[in-house]
Protein backbone atom coordinates (compact mmCIF):
# COMPACT_ATOMS: atom_id res chain seq x y z
CA MET A 1 -0.03 -0.40 0.06
CA SER A 2 0.53 3.43 -0.48
CA LEU A 3 -0.63 6.79 1.22
CA ARG A 4 -1.68 9.33 -1.58
CA TYR A 5 -2.04 12.66 0.14
CA TYR A 6 0.70 15.07 1.11
CA LYS A 7 -0.58 14.09 4.41
CA ALA A 8 1.82 11.42 4.55
CA CYS A 9 4.70 13.63 5.90
CA ALA A 10 2.51 13.63 9.18
CA LEU A 11 3.29 9.57 9.18
CA LEU A 12 6.54 9.62 7.89
CA ALA A 13 8.37 10.05 11.36
CA VAL A 14 6.02 7.37 13.21
CA LEU A 15 5.96 4.88 10.52
CA ILE A 16 9.62 4.87 9.92
CA SER A 17 9.85 3.97 14.09
CA ALA A 18 7.11 1.70 13.64
CA PHE A 19 8.34 -0.87 11.03
CA ASN A 20 12.35 0.37 11.05
CA GLY A 21 13.11 -3.75 11.15
CA ASN A 22 14.28 -3.53 7.65
CA ILE A 23 15.25 -0.21 7.81
CA GLU A 24 18.84 0.39 8.89
CA ALA A 25 21.36 3.46 8.99
CA GLN A 26 23.45 3.04 5.81
CA CYS A 27 26.69 4.35 7.91
CA ILE A 28 30.06 2.72 7.57
CA LEU A 29 32.16 2.02 10.64
CA SER A 30 35.73 3.29 9.24
CA ASN A 31 38.35 4.20 12.06
CA GLY A 32 36.09 4.95 14.74
CA GLN A 33 34.18 7.56 12.28
CA LEU A 34 30.76 6.79 10.83
CA ILE A 35 30.83 7.52 6.67
CA GLN A 36 28.34 6.94 3.85
CA PRO A 37 29.49 5.19 1.33
CA ASP A 38 31.12 7.78 -0.76
CA GLY A 39 33.16 8.99 2.43
CA SER A 40 30.76 12.12 3.55
CA PRO A 41 29.59 12.39 6.93
CA CYS A 42 27.20 9.84 7.97
CA SER A 43 23.26 11.01 9.94
CA ASN A 44 22.74 8.38 12.85
CA THR A 45 19.57 9.42 14.15
CA ILE A 46 17.74 7.57 16.77
CA ILE A 47 14.91 6.23 15.91
CA THR A 48 11.70 5.70 18.56
CA ALA A 49 7.76 4.01 18.11
CA VAL A 50 5.52 6.46 19.40
CA PRO A 51 7.76 9.97 18.88
CA PHE A 52 5.00 11.85 19.94
CA LEU A 53 5.89 11.55 23.42
CA ARG A 54 8.87 14.19 23.72
CA ILE A 55 6.47 16.92 21.66
CA VAL A 56 6.73 19.55 23.84
CA PRO A 57 2.65 20.04 24.40
CA ASP A 58 2.11 23.21 25.79
CA ALA A 59 2.58 27.24 24.36
CA ARG A 60 4.58 28.51 27.59
CA PHE A 61 7.09 26.26 27.33
CA GLY A 62 7.09 25.68 24.15
CA ALA A 63 8.13 29.47 23.32
CA MET A 64 10.79 28.99 25.93
CA GLY A 65 12.89 26.68 23.38
CA ASP A 66 10.81 23.92 24.82
CA VAL A 67 12.59 24.16 27.99
CA GLY A 68 10.83 23.15 31.18
CA ILE A 69 12.63 20.81 33.59
CA ALA A 70 13.70 23.24 36.32
CA VAL A 71 11.39 26.27 35.43
CA ASP A 72 8.41 28.17 38.04
CA PRO A 73 5.97 25.27 37.56
CA ASP A 74 2.06 25.36 36.14
CA PRO A 75 0.19 22.15 35.06
CA ASN A 76 2.19 21.72 32.30
CA SER A 77 5.00 20.54 34.48
CA MET A 78 3.30 16.68 33.97
CA HIS A 79 5.34 16.46 31.13
CA PHE A 80 8.55 18.02 31.73
CA ASN A 81 8.85 17.30 35.20
CA SER A 82 6.15 15.97 37.45
CA SER A 83 8.18 16.24 41.30
CA ASN A 84 8.20 19.82 40.40
CA LEU A 85 4.29 20.20 40.55
CA SER A 86 5.36 19.94 44.80
CA PHE A 87 6.33 23.83 44.08
CA GLY A 88 3.04 25.13 41.91
CA ALA A 89 1.97 28.56 43.54
CA ARG A 90 -1.84 27.48 43.37
CA ASP A 91 -3.71 24.80 45.21
CA LEU A 92 -5.44 23.44 41.80
CA SER A 93 -4.57 24.26 38.49
CA VAL A 94 -5.98 23.38 34.84
CA SER A 95 -4.51 23.63 31.79
CA VAL A 96 -5.85 22.87 27.86
CA THR A 97 -3.87 23.43 25.05
CA TYR A 98 -4.23 22.81 21.80
CA THR A 99 -1.38 22.94 18.58
CA PRO A 100 -2.25 22.69 15.02
CA TRP A 101 0.23 20.81 13.32
CA LEU A 102 1.38 21.16 9.68
CA ARG A 103 -0.86 24.30 8.83
CA ALA A 104 1.83 25.35 6.36
CA LEU A 105 1.07 22.77 4.54
CA GLY A 106 -2.42 23.41 4.07
CA LEU A 107 -3.49 20.57 6.48
CA ASN A 108 -6.52 21.56 8.99
CA ASP A 109 -6.73 18.72 10.58
CA VAL A 110 -4.00 17.49 12.31
CA PHE A 111 -3.60 18.56 15.34
CA LEU A 112 -2.20 17.72 19.54
CA ALA A 113 -4.41 18.53 22.24
CA TYR A 114 -3.10 18.18 25.59
CA LEU A 115 -5.13 18.85 29.17
CA SER A 116 -2.87 18.92 32.42
CA ALA A 117 -3.77 19.12 36.12
CA TYR A 118 -2.32 19.21 39.02
CA LYS A 119 -3.61 19.62 42.87
CA HIS A 120 -2.45 19.94 46.66
CA ILE A 121 -3.40 17.29 48.73
CA ASP A 122 -1.53 19.30 51.59
CA ASP A 123 1.74 20.75 52.47
CA ARG A 124 4.18 18.14 51.12
CA GLN A 125 1.92 15.90 48.95
CA THR A 126 0.20 16.66 45.19
CA LEU A 127 -1.29 14.86 42.46
CA GLY A 128 -0.97 15.58 38.79
CA GLY A 129 -2.47 13.91 35.56
CA SER A 130 -2.69 14.47 31.81
CA LEU A 131 -4.05 13.50 29.18
CA ARG A 132 -2.38 13.60 25.27
CA TYR A 133 -4.36 13.14 22.13
CA PHE A 134 -2.28 13.31 19.00
CA SER A 135 -4.50 13.22 15.55
CA LEU A 136 -2.93 12.28 12.40
CA GLY A 137 -6.28 13.41 10.86
CA GLN A 138 -7.47 11.11 7.65
CA ILE A 139 -5.75 9.22 5.35
CA GLN A 140 -6.72 7.59 1.92
CA TYR A 141 -4.56 4.17 1.67
CA THR A 142 -4.46 3.17 -2.00
CA ASP A 143 -2.67 0.33 -4.08
CA ASP A 144 0.81 0.86 -6.22
CA GLN A 145 -1.98 1.89 -9.20
CA GLY A 146 -3.66 4.74 -7.11
CA ASN A 147 -7.08 2.70 -6.63
CA PRO A 148 -8.80 3.48 -3.12
CA LEU A 149 -8.53 0.87 -0.45
CA GLN A 150 -9.83 2.19 2.55
CA VAL A 151 -9.90 5.65 4.92
CA VAL A 152 -8.14 5.32 7.93
CA ARG A 153 -7.36 8.13 11.00
CA PRO A 154 -4.18 7.57 12.77
CA ARG A 155 -4.26 8.59 16.13
CA GLU A 156 -2.47 8.08 19.34
CA LEU A 157 -3.27 8.75 23.27
CA GLU A 158 -1.23 9.05 26.19
CA LEU A 159 -2.62 9.16 29.95
CA ALA A 160 -0.75 10.05 32.71
CA PHE A 161 -0.87 9.94 36.46
CA ALA A 162 1.65 11.34 39.24
CA TYR A 163 2.02 11.74 43.05
CA SER A 164 4.83 14.25 43.84
CA ARG A 165 5.77 14.91 47.50
CA LYS A 166 7.90 17.41 49.29
CA MET A 167 11.33 15.58 51.03
CA SER A 168 11.97 18.78 52.84
CA GLU A 169 11.05 22.46 51.87
CA ASN A 170 13.24 22.41 49.13
CA PHE A 171 13.71 19.25 47.51
CA SER A 172 10.96 16.94 46.19
CA THR A 173 10.66 13.71 44.17
CA SER A 174 7.92 12.27 41.79
CA LEU A 175 6.41 8.90 39.81
CA SER A 176 4.56 9.06 37.14
CA LEU A 177 2.53 6.27 35.73
CA LYS A 178 1.52 6.38 32.00
CA TYR A 179 -0.62 4.17 29.88
CA ILE A 180 -0.04 4.79 26.07
CA PHE A 181 -1.62 4.06 22.70
CA SER A 182 -1.00 4.17 19.24
CA SER A 183 -3.13 3.80 16.27
CA LEU A 184 -1.71 3.88 12.79
CA GLY A 185 -4.30 2.26 11.01
CA THR A 186 -5.10 -0.94 9.90
CA GLY A 187 -4.59 -4.05 7.12
CA ALA A 188 -1.88 -5.59 6.11
CA VAL A 189 2.08 -4.38 5.89
CA ASN A 190 4.97 -6.40 4.58
CA GLY A 191 2.86 -9.28 5.26
CA ASP A 192 2.21 -8.68 8.81
CA VAL A 193 -1.35 -7.24 9.98
CA LEU A 194 -1.34 -3.64 11.32
CA THR A 195 -2.95 -3.65 14.51
CA PRO A 196 -2.89 -0.55 17.68
CA ALA A 197 -0.19 -0.34 20.25
CA ASN A 198 -0.65 -0.03 23.66
CA ALA A 199 2.24 0.26 26.11
CA PHE A 200 3.30 1.39 29.54
CA ALA A 201 5.58 3.35 30.99
CA ALA A 202 6.94 5.56 34.32
CA ASP A 203 8.60 8.85 34.91
CA VAL A 204 10.50 9.49 37.80
CA SER A 205 11.92 12.57 38.68
CA PHE A 206 13.79 15.52 41.26
CA THR A 207 13.47 18.61 42.12
CA TYR A 208 15.83 21.26 44.25
CA ARG A 209 14.97 24.72 44.77
CA GLN A 210 17.69 27.15 46.41
CA PRO A 211 16.18 30.54 47.33
CA LEU A 212 18.89 33.19 47.11
CA VAL A 213 19.25 36.73 47.86
CA ILE A 214 21.25 38.58 45.51
CA ALA A 215 22.20 42.56 45.95
CA GLN A 216 19.47 42.28 48.27
CA LYS A 217 16.96 41.27 45.93
CA LYS A 218 15.20 37.73 45.86
CA ALA A 219 16.41 35.22 43.65
CA ASN A 220 15.87 31.51 43.06
CA LEU A 221 17.98 28.64 41.72
CA ASN A 222 16.44 25.45 40.57
CA PHE A 223 17.39 22.00 39.72
CA GLY A 224 15.65 19.00 37.92
CA LEU A 225 16.23 15.92 36.82
CA VAL A 226 14.19 13.34 35.19
CA PHE A 227 13.98 9.95 33.63
CA SER A 228 10.66 9.44 31.43
CA ASN A 229 9.21 7.01 29.37
CA LEU A 230 11.02 4.13 31.08
CA GLY A 231 8.49 1.58 29.56
CA SER A 232 7.69 -1.46 27.78
CA LYS A 233 8.60 -2.05 24.20
CA ILE A 234 5.89 -1.35 21.46
CA SER A 235 4.70 -3.25 18.24
CA TYR A 236 1.97 -2.44 15.70
CA THR A 237 2.45 -6.27 14.57
CA ARG A 238 2.67 -9.58 15.94
CA SER A 239 6.06 -9.57 14.88
CA ALA A 240 8.76 -10.46 18.02
CA ASN A 241 10.88 -7.11 16.40
CA LYS A 242 9.37 -4.91 18.77
CA ASP A 243 10.40 -1.33 18.79
CA TYR A 244 12.01 0.99 21.94
CA ILE A 245 9.52 4.03 23.02
CA PRO A 246 11.50 6.90 23.80
CA ALA A 247 13.21 6.92 26.96
CA ASN A 248 15.13 10.17 28.12
CA MET A 249 17.28 11.51 30.19
CA GLY A 250 16.84 15.01 31.33
CA PHE A 251 18.52 17.58 33.20
CA GLY A 252 17.58 21.21 33.70
CA THR A 253 18.64 24.19 35.88
CA ALA A 254 16.56 27.59 36.05
CA PHE A 255 17.90 31.22 37.65
CA GLU A 256 15.10 33.27 38.41
CA TYR A 257 16.06 36.75 39.55
CA ASN A 258 13.37 39.64 40.85
CA PHE A 259 14.58 43.20 40.23
CA ASP A 260 11.86 44.52 42.11
CA ASP A 261 8.10 43.81 43.05
CA HIS A 262 6.90 44.35 39.75
CA ASN A 263 9.57 42.76 36.85
CA SER A 264 11.20 39.55 37.02
CA LEU A 265 13.69 37.74 34.71
CA THR A 266 14.50 33.66 34.33
CA PHE A 267 16.56 32.21 32.09
CA ALA A 268 16.87 28.22 32.18
CA VAL A 269 18.94 25.18 30.61
CA ASP A 270 17.85 21.91 29.86
CA ILE A 271 19.72 18.79 28.36
CA ASN A 272 18.21 15.75 27.10
CA LYS A 273 19.54 12.37 26.20
CA LEU A 274 17.34 9.41 24.69
CA LEU A 275 18.07 6.68 26.85
CA VAL A 276 17.61 3.85 23.61
CA PRO A 277 20.43 1.86 21.73
CA THR A 278 22.36 3.75 18.62
CA PRO A 279 21.88 2.01 15.33
CA ILE A 280 24.89 0.03 14.75
CA PRO A 281 26.39 0.26 10.96
CA ARG A 282 25.68 -2.72 9.16
CA SER A 283 29.22 -2.69 7.05
CA MET A 284 32.64 -1.68 9.01
CA ASP A 285 35.80 -0.90 7.34
CA ASP A 286 38.26 -4.04 7.54
CA GLY A 287 41.36 -1.43 8.23
CA SER A 288 42.37 -1.94 4.55
CA GLY A 289 39.88 -0.06 2.80
CA ASN A 290 37.41 -3.03 1.90
CA PHE A 291 34.19 -3.12 3.56
CA ILE A 292 32.78 -6.11 5.20
CA PRO A 293 29.73 -6.80 7.26
CA ASN A 294 29.74 -5.70 10.72
CA PRO A 295 30.34 -9.07 13.03
CA ASP A 296 28.10 -6.30 15.67
CA PHE A 297 25.23 -5.91 13.72
CA ASP A 298 23.42 -9.45 13.34
CA ALA A 299 26.00 -11.70 15.54
CA ASP A 300 23.11 -14.22 16.50
CA GLY A 301 22.26 -14.70 12.40
CA ASN A 302 18.30 -13.99 13.30
CA GLY A 303 17.76 -11.32 10.87
CA ILE A 304 16.97 -8.57 13.74
CA PRO A 305 19.75 -6.50 14.68
CA ASP A 306 21.33 -7.03 17.72
CA TYR A 307 20.74 -3.09 19.55
CA LYS A 308 17.16 -3.48 18.90
CA GLU A 309 17.21 -7.20 20.84
CA LYS A 310 18.78 -5.62 24.19
CA SER A 311 16.25 -5.66 27.02
CA VAL A 312 14.77 -2.32 28.09
CA PRO A 313 16.52 -1.98 31.75
CA VAL A 314 19.79 -3.44 29.69
CA SER A 315 19.17 -0.47 26.82
CA ILE A 316 19.32 2.02 29.31
CA PHE A 317 21.95 1.50 30.99
CA SER A 318 24.26 0.48 27.73
CA SER A 319 22.68 3.93 25.92
CA PHE A 320 25.43 5.63 27.59
CA GLY A 321 28.22 3.95 25.55
CA ASP A 322 26.86 2.00 22.53
CA ALA A 323 27.58 4.42 20.09
CA ALA A 324 29.93 3.03 16.87
CA GLY A 325 31.38 6.26 16.75
CA GLY A 326 32.88 6.36 20.52
CA PHE A 327 32.77 9.04 23.37
CA GLY A 328 32.04 11.90 20.45
CA GLU A 329 29.17 10.53 18.78
CA GLU A 330 27.53 10.41 22.35
CA MET A 331 27.95 13.77 23.12
CA ARG A 332 26.62 14.73 19.53
CA GLU A 333 23.39 12.73 20.75
CA LEU A 334 22.69 15.62 23.69
CA MET A 335 19.94 17.78 22.84
CA TYR A 336 19.89 21.65 24.32
CA SER A 337 16.87 24.21 25.21
CA ILE A 338 18.14 27.69 26.18
CA GLY A 339 14.70 29.98 27.36
CA MET A 340 14.23 33.43 28.87
CA GLU A 341 10.91 34.81 30.41
CA TYR A 342 10.06 37.96 31.32
CA TRP A 343 7.16 38.94 33.71
CA TYR A 344 6.15 42.54 34.49
CA ASN A 345 3.99 43.00 37.68
CA LYS A 346 3.09 39.06 37.14
CA GLN A 347 0.75 39.69 34.27
CA PHE A 348 2.62 40.04 31.32
CA ALA A 349 5.02 37.89 30.11
CA VAL A 350 7.57 37.86 27.05
CA ARG A 351 9.43 34.67 26.43
CA PHE A 352 12.14 33.44 24.08
CA GLY A 353 13.79 30.31 23.39
CA HIS A 354 16.21 28.48 21.00
CA TYR A 355 16.55 24.70 20.73
CA ASN A 356 18.95 22.78 19.13
CA GLU A 357 20.01 19.01 18.27
CA HIS A 358 23.10 18.01 16.08
CA SER A 359 22.86 17.54 12.22
CA THR A 360 23.68 14.05 12.45
CA LYS A 361 21.21 13.25 15.41
CA GLY A 362 18.09 14.69 13.92
CA ASN A 363 19.17 18.28 13.04
CA ARG A 364 16.00 19.93 14.59
CA LYS A 365 17.38 23.56 15.15
CA PHE A 366 14.57 26.72 15.96
CA PHE A 367 14.12 29.51 17.52
CA THR A 368 10.80 30.30 19.73
CA VAL A 369 9.03 33.36 20.59
CA GLY A 370 5.69 33.81 22.59
CA LEU A 371 3.63 35.84 24.99
CA GLY A 372 1.30 35.60 28.39
CA ILE A 373 -1.05 37.18 30.20
CA ARG A 374 -2.60 36.57 33.83
CA TYR A 375 -5.52 37.77 34.39
CA ASN A 376 -7.25 37.00 38.22
CA ILE A 377 -7.41 33.15 37.92
CA PHE A 378 -7.05 33.06 34.25
CA ASN A 379 -3.92 32.80 31.83
CA ILE A 380 -3.62 32.48 28.39
CA ASN A 381 -0.33 31.71 26.77
CA PHE A 382 0.93 32.30 22.86
CA SER A 383 3.99 30.18 21.07
CA TYR A 384 5.17 30.83 17.57
CA LEU A 385 8.21 28.88 16.00
CA LEU A 386 11.04 30.26 13.50
CA PRO A 387 13.20 27.59 11.80
CA ALA A 388 16.92 28.11 12.40
CA ILE A 389 17.63 27.06 9.58
CA ALA A 390 16.32 28.51 5.82
CA ALA A 391 15.51 25.27 4.24
CA GLN A 392 14.29 23.31 6.74
CA ARG A 393 10.50 22.42 7.53
CA ASN A 394 8.95 22.08 10.80
CA PRO A 395 5.45 21.23 11.86
CA LEU A 396 5.02 24.17 13.58
CA ASP A 397 5.95 26.33 10.57
CA ASN A 398 3.80 29.32 10.18
CA THR A 399 1.87 28.11 13.40
CA LEU A 400 0.42 30.04 16.21
CA ARG A 401 -0.32 27.61 19.24
CA PHE A 402 -2.21 28.67 22.67
CA SER A 403 -2.79 27.47 26.26
CA LEU A 404 -5.09 28.27 29.04
CA ILE A 405 -4.72 27.63 32.29
CA PHE A 406 -7.19 27.92 35.33
CA ASP A 407 -5.88 28.40 38.64
CA PHE A 408 -7.49 28.04 41.94
CA GLY A 409 -6.83 29.07 45.66
CA GLU A 410 -3.48 29.46 47.07
CA ALA A 411 -0.92 26.11 47.72
CA LYS A 412 -0.53 25.61 51.85
CA LYS A 413 2.87 26.58 52.75
CA PHE A 414 5.45 23.82 54.34
CA ASN A 415 5.36 23.41 57.68
CA THR A 416 9.34 22.96 59.06
CA LYS A 417 8.16 21.64 62.10
CA LYS A 418 5.84 18.72 60.60
CA ARG A 419 7.24 15.48 60.48
CA GLY A 420 6.56 12.44 57.41
């Protein structure tokens, strides 16, 4: 089967993830470097199933270059770092976000919707929840001659619940549990029957916040560490060749400085790394300029690359040192987000950010801008994405996305005399 409409661009990354058992990197290992057969540098992007789990779902953090692990929390911190919810200023907060997708291609039925909330149980315990829904619209399948076969509506969903607890006035931890559903269609693909995929995963996160006084002005220095999407492999067929979901380790820091009662400025940096095996090249240089099969690609000869047969725990720990290009390639797998947020009178916000991924590991590079307005219990945030490379397209090109947040009540202050 083939995809008839240009909307297939929206599915391309997902479909590659789902059926990459026969799609391997065409890299060659030579003298510790990955090259293409013509000798040019090789792109060795890490591919996973359900990549929608790593899409930043809201407009506030999306306007700050996708930074958010250690930034002052709101309900959308469920995506970045649920332990940060313990420091939420409101007793109850609810957020709704709608993100149009691929509007630059004229598509109107592809979108990401996100609903999130948190509620403080007391001064130490907080519950959080979120629902993420990704619709890929309507797609007409055809045969090789262009004859219509069936109409499908690919869709994906994530349902998450979090429990966060303050271990001290400045330190909190959290555990989030997730259910993941992904349906890309029906029918036979490469002899296998395509079915919806299901998986379960968990996030473990930590936050530390240190109040400071600089030049007699209040400031905060925050740190966050998150291990997200730690869960089962996933498959869209009955094949034993399953794919990894995008397990990730993220570290973030944020510095907030209050110039006076009306002006504050926050700078934040996030660094992320996928905890997924790096694809292994099929071929390698034997040292004499001849290319031979790589014995580490499929040592047991079962037709499945060995790096895809690792168990989830083994794949997580080995992901820190499994790149064929060595330490240099491991460092290229880091993704960087830098963001800034300025608040005036705690009612009007301006945001900027930049996201950077190495050219051989996906090459996503873009700038972001956004605005925020807060009035009483009501918050509205806008964001806009600007590609850093003019010739590079992004699903959010020329798209304005927005989030609504509703805040209720004040959070209880931490009781330092209380134990337990």
